[in-house]
C-alpha atoms as a PDB file:
ATOM      1  CA  MET A   1     -49.134  78.077  -8.830  1.00  0.00           C
ATOM      2  CA  GLU A   2     -52.077  76.918 -10.912  1.00  0.00           C
ATOM      3  CA  LYS A   3     -50.023  76.995 -14.105  1.00  0.00           C
ATOM      4  CA  LEU A   4     -47.573  74.513 -12.599  1.00  0.00           C
ATOM      5  CA  CYS A   5     -50.393  72.124 -11.813  1.00  0.00           C
ATOM      6  CA  ILE A   6     -51.673  72.288 -15.403  1.00  0.00           C
ATOM      7  CA  LEU A   7     -48.299  71.590 -16.873  1.00  0.00           C
ATOM      8  CA  GLN A   8     -47.889  68.569 -14.434  1.00  0.00           C
ATOM      9  CA  ALA A   9     -51.293  67.163 -15.396  1.00  0.00           C
ATOM     10  CA  TRP A  10     -50.455  67.556 -19.063  1.00  0.00           C
ATOM     11  CA  ALA A  11     -47.029  65.839 -18.567  1.00  0.00           C
ATOM     12  CA  SER A  12     -48.667  62.801 -16.774  1.00  0.00           C
ATOM     13  CA  GLY A  13     -50.064  61.593 -20.081  1.00  0.00           C
ATOM     14  CA  THR A  14     -46.646  61.632 -21.913  1.00  0.00           C
ATOM     15  CA  PRO A  15     -45.386  58.192 -20.961  1.00  0.00           C
ATOM     16  CA  PHE A  16     -48.677  56.648 -22.303  1.00  0.00           C
ATOM     17  CA  LEU A  17     -48.398  58.674 -25.568  1.00  0.00           C
ATOM     18  CA  LEU A  18     -44.876  57.663 -25.880  1.00  0.00           C
ATOM     19  CA  PHE A  19     -45.616  53.950 -25.451  1.00  0.00           C
ATOM     20  CA  ASP A  20     -48.381  54.156 -28.034  1.00  0.00           C
ATOM     21  CA  ALA A  21     -45.966  55.902 -30.438  1.00  0.00           C
ATOM     22  CA  LEU A  22     -43.281  53.349 -29.885  1.00  0.00           C
ATOM     23  CA  SER A  23     -45.423  50.255 -29.986  1.00  0.00           C
ATOM     24  CA  GLY A  24     -48.361  51.173 -32.257  1.00  0.00           C
ATOM     25  CA  ILE A  25     -50.459  48.949 -30.007  1.00  0.00           C
ATOM     26  CA  LYS A  26     -54.101  48.248 -30.840  1.00  0.00           C
ATOM     27  CA  ILE A  27     -56.192  45.839 -28.832  1.00  0.00           C
ATOM     28  CA  ALA A  28     -59.047  43.990 -30.398  1.00  0.00           C
ATOM     29  CA  GLU A  29     -61.480  41.242 -29.248  1.00  0.00           C
ATOM     30  CA  ASN A  30     -59.074  38.327 -29.596  1.00  0.00           C
ATOM     31  CA  HIS A  31     -56.088  40.010 -31.308  1.00  0.00           C
ATOM     32  CA  ILE A  32     -53.323  42.438 -30.312  1.00  0.00           C
ATOM     33  CA  PHE A  33     -51.819  44.517 -33.262  1.00  0.00           C
ATOM     34  CA  PHE A  34     -48.515  46.216 -33.080  1.00  0.00           C
ATOM     35  CA  LYS A  35     -48.075  48.394 -36.050  1.00  0.00           C
ATOM     36  CA  ASN A  36     -44.466  49.468 -36.924  1.00  0.00           C
ATOM     37  CA  PRO A  37     -43.043  49.053 -33.439  1.00  0.00           C
ATOM     38  CA  ARG A  38     -39.860  51.255 -33.024  1.00  0.00           C
ATOM     39  CA  LEU A  39     -37.264  51.699 -30.368  1.00  0.00           C
ATOM     40  CA  PRO A  40     -35.257  54.889 -30.186  1.00  0.00           C
ATOM     41  CA  GLU A  41     -31.670  54.358 -31.395  1.00  0.00           C
ATOM     42  CA  PHE A  42     -30.397  54.766 -27.822  1.00  0.00           C
ATOM     43  CA  ILE A  43     -32.559  51.958 -26.371  1.00  0.00           C
ATOM     44  CA  ASP A  44     -31.768  48.326 -27.153  1.00  0.00           C
ATOM     45  CA  GLU A  45     -34.180  46.685 -24.767  1.00  0.00           C
ATOM     46  CA  LEU A  46     -37.369  47.947 -23.051  1.00  0.00           C
ATOM     47  CA  TYR A  47     -39.391  46.050 -20.642  1.00  0.00           C
ATOM     48  CA  VAL A  48     -42.989  46.885 -19.812  1.00  0.00           C
ATOM     49  CA  TYR A  49     -44.372  45.157 -16.705  1.00  0.00           C
ATOM     50  CA  ASN A  50     -47.987  45.058 -15.375  1.00  0.00           C
ATOM     51  CA  LEU A  51     -49.504  46.661 -18.392  1.00  0.00           C
ATOM     52  CA  ASN A  52     -53.176  47.331 -17.733  1.00  0.00           C
ATOM     53  CA  THR A  53     -55.375  47.365 -20.781  1.00  0.00           C
ATOM     54  CA  SER A  54     -59.149  47.720 -21.196  1.00  0.00           C
ATOM     55  CA  LYS A  55     -59.283  43.999 -22.147  1.00  0.00           C
ATOM     56  CA  ASP A  56     -56.767  43.006 -19.574  1.00  0.00           C
ATOM     57  CA  VAL A  57     -55.064  40.528 -21.822  1.00  0.00           C
ATOM     58  CA  ILE A  58     -51.322  41.493 -21.857  1.00  0.00           C
ATOM     59  CA  LYS A  59     -49.351  41.966 -18.651  1.00  0.00           C
ATOM     60  CA  ASP A  60     -45.693  41.953 -19.515  1.00  0.00           C
ATOM     61  CA  LEU A  61     -43.796  42.767 -22.756  1.00  0.00           C
ATOM     62  CA  CYS A  62     -40.249  43.087 -23.850  1.00  0.00           C
ATOM     63  CA  PHE A  63     -39.204  45.115 -26.830  1.00  0.00           C
ATOM     64  CA  ARG A  64     -35.690  44.324 -28.278  1.00  0.00           C
ATOM     65  CA  ARG A  65     -33.427  45.540 -30.990  1.00  0.00           C
ATOM     66  CA  TYR A  66     -31.444  43.041 -33.009  1.00  0.00           C
ATOM     67  CA  GLN A  67     -29.196  44.924 -35.511  1.00  0.00           C
ATOM     68  CA  ASN A  68     -31.639  46.742 -37.774  1.00  0.00           C
ATOM     69  CA  ASP A  69     -34.847  45.038 -36.476  1.00  0.00           C
ATOM     70  CA  GLU A  70     -37.079  45.155 -33.423  1.00  0.00           C
ATOM     71  CA  THR A  71     -38.969  42.363 -31.854  1.00  0.00           C
ATOM     72  CA  ILE A  72     -41.763  42.193 -29.256  1.00  0.00           C
ATOM     73  CA  GLU A  73     -41.900  39.317 -26.889  1.00  0.00           C
ATOM     74  CA  VAL A  74     -45.053  38.833 -24.800  1.00  0.00           C
ATOM     75  CA  LEU A  75     -43.741  37.532 -21.424  1.00  0.00           C
ATOM     76  CA  LYS A  76     -47.106  37.194 -19.668  1.00  0.00           C
ATOM     77  CA  LYS A  77     -50.773  37.332 -20.848  1.00  0.00           C
ATOM     78  CA  ASN A  78     -53.993  36.477 -19.336  1.00  0.00           C
ATOM     79  CA  GLN A  79     -55.904  34.859 -22.275  1.00  0.00           C
ATOM     80  CA  ASN A  80     -55.187  32.806 -25.376  1.00  0.00           C
ATOM     81  CA  ILE A  81     -54.886  35.736 -27.866  1.00  0.00           C
ATOM     82  CA  LYS A  82     -53.291  36.221 -31.139  1.00  0.00           C
ATOM     83  CA  ILE A  83     -50.435  38.712 -31.472  1.00  0.00           C
ATOM     84  CA  ILE A  84     -49.912  40.427 -34.781  1.00  0.00           C
ATOM     85  CA  ILE A  85     -46.823  42.497 -35.613  1.00  0.00           C
ATOM     86  CA  GLU A  86     -47.039  44.562 -38.735  1.00  0.00           C
ATOM     87  CA  LYS A  87     -43.859  46.182 -40.122  1.00  0.00           C
ATOM     88  CA  GLU A  88     -43.367  48.417 -43.220  1.00  0.00           C
END
């Protein structure tokens, strides 16, 4: 039974790692960086609500695919902060 608990504890971090890999998000003092955000081919739109960050600056996000490009829309934020999206 202990092994099942270990696997479940490991799996609990998966959504956060997946979000980090998809968004490339990095939060600085007064900037939020998204580096090469990517959605999987089978997802055209992804909403993230009530995102809690250490700086508590972004609350709601929407990732959208438009043909061969992805966009990020900040739907709700707590501070006047600069959003930077870097794409290669």
